[in-house]
Protein backbone atom coordinates (compact mmCIF):
# COMPACT_ATOMS: atom_id res chain seq x y z
CA MET A 1 49.15 -4.81 15.30
CA ASP A 2 52.85 -5.03 16.18
CA SER A 3 52.06 -4.16 19.80
CA ASP A 4 49.70 -7.18 19.95
CA ARG A 5 52.45 -9.43 18.63
CA ASP A 6 54.95 -7.95 21.06
CA GLN A 7 52.56 -8.50 23.97
CA LEU A 8 51.95 -12.09 22.88
CA ALA A 9 55.69 -12.73 22.54
CA GLU A 10 56.26 -11.23 25.99
CA LEU A 11 53.51 -13.40 27.50
CA ALA A 12 54.96 -16.51 25.85
CA GLN A 13 58.42 -15.62 27.16
CA ARG A 14 57.09 -15.11 30.71
CA THR A 15 55.08 -18.35 30.64
CA TYR A 16 58.06 -20.27 29.30
CA THR A 17 60.35 -18.77 31.96
CA GLU A 18 57.92 -19.63 34.76
CA ALA A 19 57.60 -23.24 33.51
CA ILE A 20 61.38 -23.65 33.31
CA ASN A 21 61.89 -22.20 36.80
CA GLN A 22 59.73 -25.01 38.21
CA ARG A 23 62.30 -27.58 37.05
CA PRO A 24 64.96 -28.61 39.59
CA ILE A 25 68.42 -27.02 39.44
CA GLY A 26 70.72 -29.30 37.47
CA ASP A 27 67.97 -30.34 35.06
CA PRO A 28 69.43 -30.10 31.51
CA TYR A 29 66.34 -28.33 30.14
CA ARG A 30 66.61 -25.70 32.85
CA ALA A 31 70.28 -25.16 32.04
CA ILE A 32 69.48 -24.62 28.36
CA ALA A 33 66.60 -22.30 29.21
CA ASP A 34 68.75 -20.33 31.65
CA ALA A 35 71.37 -19.90 28.92
CA ALA A 36 68.67 -18.79 26.47
CA ILE A 37 67.35 -16.17 28.88
CA THR A 38 70.85 -14.96 29.79
CA GLU A 39 71.84 -14.67 26.12
CA GLY A 40 68.56 -12.92 25.22
CA TRP A 41 67.26 -15.54 22.80
CA SER A 42 63.86 -14.67 21.41
CA LEU A 43 60.75 -16.75 20.90
CA ARG A 44 59.77 -14.57 17.94
CA PRO A 45 60.33 -16.18 14.56
CA ARG A 46 63.15 -14.76 12.49
CA PRO A 47 62.13 -13.23 9.17
CA GLN A 48 62.68 -15.48 6.17
CA ILE A 49 63.96 -14.45 2.78
CA HIS A 50 62.65 -15.97 -0.44
CA VAL A 51 62.24 -15.10 -4.10
CA GLY A 52 59.96 -12.07 -4.19
CA SER A 53 61.06 -10.64 -0.83
CA LEU A 54 61.63 -6.89 -0.75
CA LEU A 55 64.82 -5.67 0.92
CA ARG A 56 64.90 -2.22 2.48
CA GLY A 57 67.30 0.34 1.01
CA TYR A 58 70.97 0.33 1.97
CA CYS A 59 71.06 -3.07 3.79
CA HIS A 60 74.09 -1.94 5.79
CA GLY A 61 76.11 -1.76 2.59
CA VAL A 62 76.14 -5.47 1.73
CA PHE A 63 75.41 -4.55 -1.92
CA GLY A 64 77.98 -1.76 -2.00
CA ARG A 65 78.19 1.75 -0.66
CA ASP A 66 76.19 3.31 -3.50
CA SER A 67 73.17 0.99 -3.41
CA TYR A 68 70.34 2.84 -1.62
CA ASP A 69 67.28 1.64 -3.56
CA ASP A 70 64.92 -1.06 -2.30
CA LYS A 71 65.62 -4.44 -3.88
CA HIS A 72 63.48 -7.41 -4.97
CA VAL A 73 64.99 -10.87 -4.53
CA GLU A 74 65.04 -12.65 -7.90
CA ALA A 75 67.08 -15.79 -7.17
CA ILE A 76 68.55 -17.55 -4.14
CA GLY A 77 71.30 -20.15 -3.86
CA PRO A 78 72.99 -21.76 -0.87
CA ASP A 79 75.59 -18.99 -0.65
CA TRP A 80 74.36 -16.21 -2.97
CA VAL A 81 71.36 -13.97 -3.65
CA ILE A 82 70.49 -12.06 -6.83
CA VAL A 83 68.41 -8.89 -6.40
CA ARG A 84 67.01 -6.23 -8.72
CA GLU A 85 66.94 -2.64 -7.50
CA THR A 86 63.79 -0.60 -8.04
CA SER A 87 65.90 1.50 -10.44
CA GLY A 88 66.52 -1.64 -12.55
CA GLY A 89 70.09 -2.55 -11.61
CA VAL A 90 70.93 -6.19 -10.86
CA LEU A 91 73.21 -7.02 -7.94
CA MET A 92 74.62 -10.17 -6.38
CA PHE A 93 75.25 -10.87 -2.70
CA GLY A 94 77.89 -13.51 -1.99
CA GLY A 95 76.91 -15.00 1.33
CA SER A 96 74.20 -16.90 3.15
CA PRO A 97 70.66 -15.74 2.31
CA GLU A 98 69.87 -15.73 6.04
CA GLU A 99 72.26 -12.78 6.43
CA LEU A 100 69.78 -10.64 4.46
CA ALA A 101 66.66 -11.71 6.36
CA ASN A 102 66.79 -8.75 8.76
CA TYR A 103 66.48 -6.32 5.85
CA THR A 104 63.18 -7.71 4.50
CA ILE A 105 60.10 -5.49 4.42
CA GLY A 106 57.71 -7.99 2.89
CA CYS A 107 57.22 -9.46 -0.51
CA GLY A 108 53.71 -8.53 -1.58
CA CYS A 109 52.66 -12.16 -1.97
CA GLY A 110 50.59 -12.27 1.25
CA CYS A 111 52.83 -14.77 3.03
CA GLN A 112 53.51 -14.68 6.76
CA ASP A 113 56.64 -12.58 6.19
CA GLU A 114 54.50 -9.86 4.61
CA GLU A 115 52.64 -9.41 7.89
CA THR A 116 55.56 -9.72 10.31
CA ASP A 117 58.15 -7.59 8.56
CA ARG A 118 56.34 -4.28 8.51
């Protein structure tokens, strides 16, 4: 299933690139697109984090060096996230919730994130 998504994303990227290349040099949209391609921007949606999301294990240590269990998100604020480890411990992350989005492995609620994060 992931290979189908990857192929679709690659096709979208190629089609987008071909359409932009037809614009004249100096066109502002072409300049933005050229920068996007050079910087490696992706057309794939970024995973979202919400209450119920499951975070995978260590999360590069953002919850401390001894926190290896998976975590369920219980509350989210503008610059904090509260999670509960599968072992029962409660932890707080002081930072933007978007910083944790790359660690999601789905939430079990059947949302779009559940399908794209596995």
